[in-house]
Amino acid sequence: SGRVLRVLTEEPAVQFYSGNFLDGSTSGMGQQ
């Protein structure tokens, strides 16, 4: 898409989560 997201913060850390517990059992807003 060419979209870029930058996340800025004053916090000392950031949790990165790659959606490992999503399993396709729910949907919404046009997406599984």
All heavy atoms as atom14 arrays in JSON, in Angstrom:
{
  "sequence": "SGRVLRVLTEEPAVQFYSGNFLDGSTSGMGQQ",
  "atom14_mask": [
    [1, 1, 1, 1, 1, 1, 0, 0, 0, 0, 0, 0, 0, 0],
    [1, 1, 1, 1, 0, 0, 0, 0, 0, 0, 0, 0, 0, 0],
    [1, 1, 1, 1, 1, 1, 1, 1, 1, 1, 1, 0, 0, 0],
    [1, 1, 1, 1, 1, 1, 1, 0, 0, 0, 0, 0, 0, 0],
    [1, 1, 1, 1, 1, 1, 1, 1, 0, 0, 0, 0, 0, 0],
    [1, 1, 1, 1, 1, 1, 1, 1, 1, 1, 1, 0, 0, 0],
    [1, 1, 1, 1, 1, 1, 1, 0, 0, 0, 0, 0, 0, 0],
    [1, 1, 1, 1, 1, 1, 1, 1, 0, 0, 0, 0, 0, 0],
    [1, 1, 1, 1, 1, 1, 1, 0, 0, 0, 0, 0, 0, 0],
    [1, 1, 1, 1, 1, 1, 1, 1, 1, 0, 0, 0, 0, 0],
    [1, 1, 1, 1, 1, 1, 1, 1, 1, 0, 0, 0, 0, 0],
    [1, 1, 1, 1, 1, 1, 1, 0, 0, 0, 0, 0, 0, 0],
    [1, 1, 1, 1, 1, 0, 0, 0, 0, 0, 0, 0, 0, 0],
    [1, 1, 1, 1, 1, 1, 1, 0, 0, 0, 0, 0, 0, 0],
    [1, 1, 1, 1, 1, 1, 1, 1, 1, 0, 0, 0, 0, 0],
    [1, 1, 1, 1, 1, 1, 1, 1, 1, 1, 1, 0, 0, 0],
    [1, 1, 1, 1, 1, 1, 1, 1, 1, 1, 1, 1, 0, 0],
    [1, 1, 1, 1, 1, 1, 0, 0, 0, 0, 0, 0, 0, 0],
    [1, 1, 1, 1, 0, 0, 0, 0, 0, 0, 0, 0, 0, 0],
    [1, 1, 1, 1, 1, 1, 1, 1, 0, 0, 0, 0, 0, 0],
    [1, 1, 1, 1, 1, 1, 1, 1, 1, 1, 1, 0, 0, 0],
    [1, 1, 1, 1, 1, 1, 1, 1, 0, 0, 0, 0, 0, 0],
    [1, 1, 1, 1, 1, 1, 1, 1, 0, 0, 0, 0, 0, 0],
    [1, 1, 1, 1, 0, 0, 0, 0, 0, 0, 0, 0, 0, 0],
    [1, 1, 1, 1, 1, 1, 0, 0, 0, 0, 0, 0, 0, 0],
    [1, 1, 1, 1, 1, 1, 1, 0, 0, 0, 0, 0, 0, 0],
    [1, 1, 1, 1, 1, 1, 0, 0, 0, 0, 0, 0, 0, 0],
    [1, 1, 1, 1, 0, 0, 0, 0, 0, 0, 0, 0, 0, 0],
    [1, 1, 1, 1, 1, 1, 1, 1, 0, 0, 0, 0, 0, 0],
    [1, 1, 1, 1, 0, 0, 0, 0, 0, 0, 0, 0, 0, 0],
    [1, 1, 1, 1, 1, 1, 1, 1, 1, 0, 0, 0, 0, 0],
    [1, 1, 1, 1, 1, 1, 1, 1, 1, 0, 0, 0, 0, 0]
  ],
  "atom14_positions": [
    [[0.81, -1.23, 0.0], [0.0, 0.0, 0.0], [0.84, 1.27, 0.0], [0.34, 2.34, -0.31], [-0.91, 0.02, 1.23], [-0.14, 0.13, 2.41], [0.0, 0.0, 0.0], [0.0, 0.0, 0.0], [0.0, 0.0, 0.0], [0.0, 0.0, 0.0], [0.0, 0.0, 0.0], [0.0, 0.0, 0.0], [0.0, 0.0, 0.0], [0.0, 0.0, 0.0]],
    [[2.1, 1.14, 0.38], [2.95, 2.32, 0.51], [2.75, 3.06, 1.82], [3.38, 4.1, 2.05], [0.0, 0.0, 0.0], [0.0, 0.0, 0.0], [0.0, 0.0, 0.0], [0.0, 0.0, 0.0], [0.0, 0.0, 0.0], [0.0, 0.0, 0.0], [0.0, 0.0, 0.0], [0.0, 0.0, 0.0], [0.0, 0.0, 0.0], [0.0, 0.0, 0.0]],
    [[1.87, 2.55, 2.69], [1.63, 3.24, 3.96], [2.8, 3.05, 4.92], [3.43, 1.98, 4.96], [0.34, 2.73, 4.62], [-0.94, 3.1, 3.88], [-2.16, 2.71, 4.71], [-3.41, 3.02, 4.03], [-4.15, 2.15, 3.34], [-3.73, 0.89, 3.23], [-5.27, 2.52, 2.76], [0.0, 0.0, 0.0], [0.0, 0.0, 0.0], [0.0, 0.0, 0.0]],
    [[3.03, 4.09, 5.71], [4.08, 4.06, 6.74], [3.45, 4.47, 8.06], [2.69, 5.45, 8.13], [5.23, 5.02, 6.4], [6.28, 5.04, 7.52], [5.88, 4.64, 5.07], [0.0, 0.0, 0.0], [0.0, 0.0, 0.0], [0.0, 0.0, 0.0], [0.0, 0.0, 0.0], [0.0, 0.0, 0.0], [0.0, 0.0, 0.0], [0.0, 0.0, 0.0]],
    [[3.76, 3.73, 9.11], [3.36, 4.08, 10.47], [4.6, 4.24, 11.32], [5.47, 3.36, 11.34], [2.47, 2.98, 11.08], [2.19, 3.11, 12.59], [1.28, 4.29, 12.87], [1.6, 1.82, 13.15], [0.0, 0.0, 0.0], [0.0, 0.0, 0.0], [0.0, 0.0, 0.0], [0.0, 0.0, 0.0], [0.0, 0.0, 0.0], [0.0, 0.0, 0.0]],
    [[4.7, 5.38, 12.0], [5.77, 5.6, 12.99], [5.12, 5.69, 14.36], [4.08, 6.33, 14.52], [6.56, 6.87, 12.68], [7.32, 6.82, 11.37], [7.77, 8.2, 10.93], [8.58, 8.85, 11.95], [8.38, 10.1, 12.4], [7.37, 10.81, 11.93], [9.16, 10.6, 13.32], [0.0, 0.0, 0.0], [0.0, 0.0, 0.0], [0.0, 0.0, 0.0]],
    [[5.73, 5.05, 15.35], [5.23, 5.08, 16.72], [6.25, 5.8, 17.58], [7.4, 5.36, 17.7], [4.97, 3.66, 17.26], [4.48, 3.72, 18.71], [3.96, 2.93, 16.38], [0.0, 0.0, 0.0], [0.0, 0.0, 0.0], [0.0, 0.0, 0.0], [0.0, 0.0, 0.0], [0.0, 0.0, 0.0], [0.0, 0.0, 0.0], [0.0, 0.0, 0.0]],
    [[5.82, 6.92, 18.16], [6.69, 7.7, 19.04], [6.14, 7.63, 20.46], [4.93, 7.52, 20.67], [6.78, 9.15, 18.57], [7.36, 9.37, 17.17], [6.24, 9.41, 16.14], [8.17, 10.64, 17.11], [0.0, 0.0, 0.0], [0.0, 0.0, 0.0], [0.0, 0.0, 0.0], [0.0, 0.0, 0.0], [0.0, 0.0, 0.0], [0.0, 0.0, 0.0]],
    [[7.03, 7.73, 21.44], [6.57, 7.59, 22.82], [7.56, 8.21, 23.8], [8.73, 8.42, 23.46], [6.39, 6.09, 23.17], [5.86, 5.98, 24.5], [7.71, 5.34, 23.09], [0.0, 0.0, 0.0], [0.0, 0.0, 0.0], [0.0, 0.0, 0.0], [0.0, 0.0, 0.0], [0.0, 0.0, 0.0], [0.0, 0.0, 0.0], [0.0, 0.0, 0.0]],
    [[7.08, 8.48, 25.0], [7.94, 8.86, 26.12], [8.28, 7.64, 26.98], [9.08, 7.74, 27.91], [7.25, 9.91, 26.98], [7.0, 11.23, 26.26], [6.23, 12.23, 27.1], [5.79, 11.85, 28.22], [6.06, 13.37, 26.65], [0.0, 0.0, 0.0], [0.0, 0.0, 0.0], [0.0, 0.0, 0.0], [0.0, 0.0, 0.0], [0.0, 0.0, 0.0]],
    [[7.66, 6.52, 26.71], [7.83, 5.32, 27.53], [9.22, 4.69, 27.34], [9.85, 4.87, 26.3], [6.75, 4.3, 27.18], [5.37, 4.67, 27.7], [5.32, 4.65, 29.21], [5.45, 3.58, 29.83], [5.15, 5.75, 29.8], [0.0, 0.0, 0.0], [0.0, 0.0, 0.0], [0.0, 0.0, 0.0], [0.0, 0.0, 0.0], [0.0, 0.0, 0.0]],
    [[9.68, 3.91, 28.32], [11.01, 3.29, 28.22], [11.04, 1.99, 27.43], [12.11, 1.41, 27.24], [11.37, 3.03, 29.69], [10.06, 2.81, 30.36], [9.1, 3.72, 29.67], [0.0, 0.0, 0.0], [0.0, 0.0, 0.0], [0.0, 0.0, 0.0], [0.0, 0.0, 0.0], [0.0, 0.0, 0.0], [0.0, 0.0, 0.0], [0.0, 0.0, 0.0]],
    [[9.86, 1.52, 26.96], [9.83, 0.25, 26.24], [8.61, 0.2, 25.34], [7.7, 1.03, 25.44], [9.81, -0.92, 27.22], [0.0, 0.0, 0.0], [0.0, 0.0, 0.0], [0.0, 0.0, 0.0], [0.0, 0.0, 0.0], [0.0, 0.0, 0.0], [0.0, 0.0, 0.0], [0.0, 0.0, 0.0], [0.0, 0.0, 0.0], [0.0, 0.0, 0.0]],
    [[8.61, -0.79, 24.45], [7.45, -1.02, 23.58], [7.28, -2.52, 23.41], [8.26, -3.26, 23.19], [7.61, -0.32, 22.21], [8.81, -0.86, 21.44], [6.33, -0.43, 21.38], [0.0, 0.0, 0.0], [0.0, 0.0, 0.0], [0.0, 0.0, 0.0], [0.0, 0.0, 0.0], [0.0, 0.0, 0.0], [0.0, 0.0, 0.0], [0.0, 0.0, 0.0]],
    [[6.05, -3.01, 23.55], [5.74, -4.42, 23.33], [5.4, -4.61, 21.85], [4.51, -3.95, 21.32], [4.56, -4.85, 24.19], [4.22, -6.33, 24.08], [4.99, -7.21, 25.04], [5.81, -6.71, 25.82], [4.75, -8.5, 25.01], [0.0, 0.0, 0.0], [0.0, 0.0, 0.0], [0.0, 0.0, 0.0], [0.0, 0.0, 0.0], [0.0, 0.0, 0.0]],
    [[6.11, -5.52, 21.21], [5.8, -5.87, 19.82], [5.12, -7.23, 19.82], [5.65, -8.22, 20.32], [7.07, -5.92, 18.97], [6.87, -6.55, 17.62], [5.79, -6.2, 16.81], [7.76, -7.52, 17.14], [5.59, -6.79, 15.57], [7.57, -8.11, 15.9], [6.48, -7.75, 15.12], [0.0, 0.0, 0.0], [0.0, 0.0, 0.0], [0.0, 0.0, 0.0]],
    [[3.91, -7.26, 19.26], [3.11, -8.49, 19.2], [2.72, -8.73, 17.76], [2.17, -7.83, 17.09], [1.87, -8.33, 20.09], [0.85, -9.45, 19.97], [1.21, -10.77, 20.14], [-0.48, -9.16, 19.67], [0.28, -11.79, 20.04], [-1.43, -10.17, 19.57], [-1.05, -11.48, 19.75], [-1.99, -12.49, 19.64], [0.0, 0.0, 0.0], [0.0, 0.0, 0.0]],
    [[2.97, -9.94, 17.26], [2.75, -10.23, 15.84], [1.46, -11.0, 15.57], [1.35, -11.7, 14.56], [3.95, -11.01, 15.27], [4.26, -12.16, 16.05], [0.0, 0.0, 0.0], [0.0, 0.0, 0.0], [0.0, 0.0, 0.0], [0.0, 0.0, 0.0], [0.0, 0.0, 0.0], [0.0, 0.0, 0.0], [0.0, 0.0, 0.0], [0.0, 0.0, 0.0]],
    [[0.47, -10.87, 16.45], [-0.85, -11.46, 16.2], [-0.87, -12.97, 16.23], [-1.64, -13.62, 15.51], [0.0, 0.0, 0.0], [0.0, 0.0, 0.0], [0.0, 0.0, 0.0], [0.0, 0.0, 0.0], [0.0, 0.0, 0.0], [0.0, 0.0, 0.0], [0.0, 0.0, 0.0], [0.0, 0.0, 0.0], [0.0, 0.0, 0.0], [0.0, 0.0, 0.0]],
    [[-0.05, -13.56, 17.13], [0.13, -15.02, 17.14], [-1.08, -15.79, 17.67], [-1.19, -16.99, 17.43], [1.35, -15.37, 18.0], [2.53, -14.47, 17.72], [2.92, -14.31, 16.57], [3.08, -13.87, 18.75], [0.0, 0.0, 0.0], [0.0, 0.0, 0.0], [0.0, 0.0, 0.0], [0.0, 0.0, 0.0], [0.0, 0.0, 0.0], [0.0, 0.0, 0.0]],
    [[-1.95, -15.12, 18.43], [-3.09, -15.82, 19.01], [-4.39, -15.56, 18.23], [-5.44, -16.06, 18.62], [-3.26, -15.42, 20.48], [-2.08, -15.85, 21.33], [-1.08, -14.95, 21.67], [-1.97, -17.17, 21.75], [0.0, -15.35, 22.44], [-0.88, -17.58, 22.52], [0.11, -16.67, 22.86], [0.0, 0.0, 0.0], [0.0, 0.0, 0.0], [0.0, 0.0, 0.0]],
    [[-4.31, -14.79, 17.16], [-5.46, -14.65, 16.26], [-5.6, -15.95, 15.47], [-4.61, -16.54, 15.04], [-5.25, -13.48, 15.3], [-5.09, -12.1, 15.95], [-4.64, -11.07, 14.91], [-6.39, -11.66, 16.61], [0.0, 0.0, 0.0], [0.0, 0.0, 0.0], [0.0, 0.0, 0.0], [0.0, 0.0, 0.0], [0.0, 0.0, 0.0], [0.0, 0.0, 0.0]],
    [[-6.85, -16.4, 15.27], [-7.03, -17.7, 14.62], [-8.12, -17.72, 13.56], [-8.49, -18.79, 13.07], [-7.33, -18.77, 15.67], [-8.6, -18.48, 16.47], [-9.31, -17.51, 16.12], [-8.88, -19.23, 17.43], [0.0, 0.0, 0.0], [0.0, 0.0, 0.0], [0.0, 0.0, 0.0], [0.0, 0.0, 0.0], [0.0, 0.0, 0.0], [0.0, 0.0, 0.0]],
    [[-8.62, -16.54, 13.19], [-9.64, -16.49, 12.15], [-11.04, -16.8, 12.63], [-11.98, -16.84, 11.82], [0.0, 0.0, 0.0], [0.0, 0.0, 0.0], [0.0, 0.0, 0.0], [0.0, 0.0, 0.0], [0.0, 0.0, 0.0], [0.0, 0.0, 0.0], [0.0, 0.0, 0.0], [0.0, 0.0, 0.0], [0.0, 0.0, 0.0], [0.0, 0.0, 0.0]],
    [[-11.22, -16.97, 13.94], [-12.54, -17.32, 14.46], [-13.46, -16.11, 14.6], [-14.66, -16.26, 14.84], [-12.41, -18.01, 15.82], [-11.79, -17.15, 16.77], [0.0, 0.0, 0.0], [0.0, 0.0, 0.0], [0.0, 0.0, 0.0], [0.0, 0.0, 0.0], [0.0, 0.0, 0.0], [0.0, 0.0, 0.0], [0.0, 0.0, 0.0], [0.0, 0.0, 0.0]],
    [[-12.9, -14.9, 14.46], [-13.73, -13.69, 14.5], [-13.47, -12.87, 13.24], [-12.48, -13.07, 12.53], [-13.41, -12.82, 15.74], [-12.04, -12.38, 15.67], [-13.63, -13.6, 17.03], [0.0, 0.0, 0.0], [0.0, 0.0, 0.0], [0.0, 0.0, 0.0], [0.0, 0.0, 0.0], [0.0, 0.0, 0.0], [0.0, 0.0, 0.0], [0.0, 0.0, 0.0]],
    [[-14.39, -11.93, 13.0], [-14.24, -11.04, 11.84], [-14.96, -9.74, 12.13], [-15.75, -9.63, 13.08], [-14.81, -11.69, 10.58], [-16.21, -11.93, 10.74], [0.0, 0.0, 0.0], [0.0, 0.0, 0.0], [0.0, 0.0, 0.0], [0.0, 0.0, 0.0], [0.0, 0.0, 0.0], [0.0, 0.0, 0.0], [0.0, 0.0, 0.0], [0.0, 0.0, 0.0]],
    [[-14.69, -8.75, 11.31], [-15.34, -7.47, 11.45], [-14.7, -6.43, 10.57], [-13.55, -6.58, 10.13], [0.0, 0.0, 0.0], [0.0, 0.0, 0.0], [0.0, 0.0, 0.0], [0.0, 0.0, 0.0], [0.0, 0.0, 0.0], [0.0, 0.0, 0.0], [0.0, 0.0, 0.0], [0.0, 0.0, 0.0], [0.0, 0.0, 0.0], [0.0, 0.0, 0.0]],
    [[-15.44, -5.38, 10.26], [-14.94, -4.3, 9.42], [-14.41, -4.82, 8.09], [-13.42, -4.34, 7.54], [-13.85, -3.5, 10.14], [-14.23, -3.0, 11.53], [-15.63, -1.85, 11.5], [-14.86, -0.4, 10.79], [0.0, 0.0, 0.0], [0.0, 0.0, 0.0], [0.0, 0.0, 0.0], [0.0, 0.0, 0.0], [0.0, 0.0, 0.0], [0.0, 0.0, 0.0]],
    [[-15.05, -5.89, 7.58], [-14.68, -6.42, 6.28], [-13.48, -7.33, 6.27], [-13.0, -7.7, 5.19], [0.0, 0.0, 0.0], [0.0, 0.0, 0.0], [0.0, 0.0, 0.0], [0.0, 0.0, 0.0], [0.0, 0.0, 0.0], [0.0, 0.0, 0.0], [0.0, 0.0, 0.0], [0.0, 0.0, 0.0], [0.0, 0.0, 0.0], [0.0, 0.0, 0.0]],
    [[-12.97, -7.71, 7.45], [-11.78, -8.56, 7.5], [-11.98, -9.74, 8.44], [-12.59, -9.61, 9.5], [-10.56, -7.77, 8.0], [-10.04, -6.7, 7.07], [-8.71, -6.17, 7.54], [-7.68, -6.83, 7.43], [-8.71, -4.96, 8.08], [0.0, 0.0, 0.0], [0.0, 0.0, 0.0], [0.0, 0.0, 0.0], [0.0, 0.0, 0.0], [0.0, 0.0, 0.0]],
    [[-11.43, -10.91, 8.04], [-11.31, -12.03, 8.94], [-10.06, -11.78, 9.8], [-9.04, -11.33, 9.29], [-11.13, -13.33, 8.14], [-11.44, -14.59, 8.91], [-12.92, -14.89, 8.98], [-13.7, -14.3, 8.24], [-13.3, -15.79, 9.86], [0.0, 0.0, 0.0], [0.0, 0.0, 0.0], [0.0, 0.0, 0.0], [0.0, 0.0, 0.0], [0.0, 0.0, 0.0]]
  ]
}
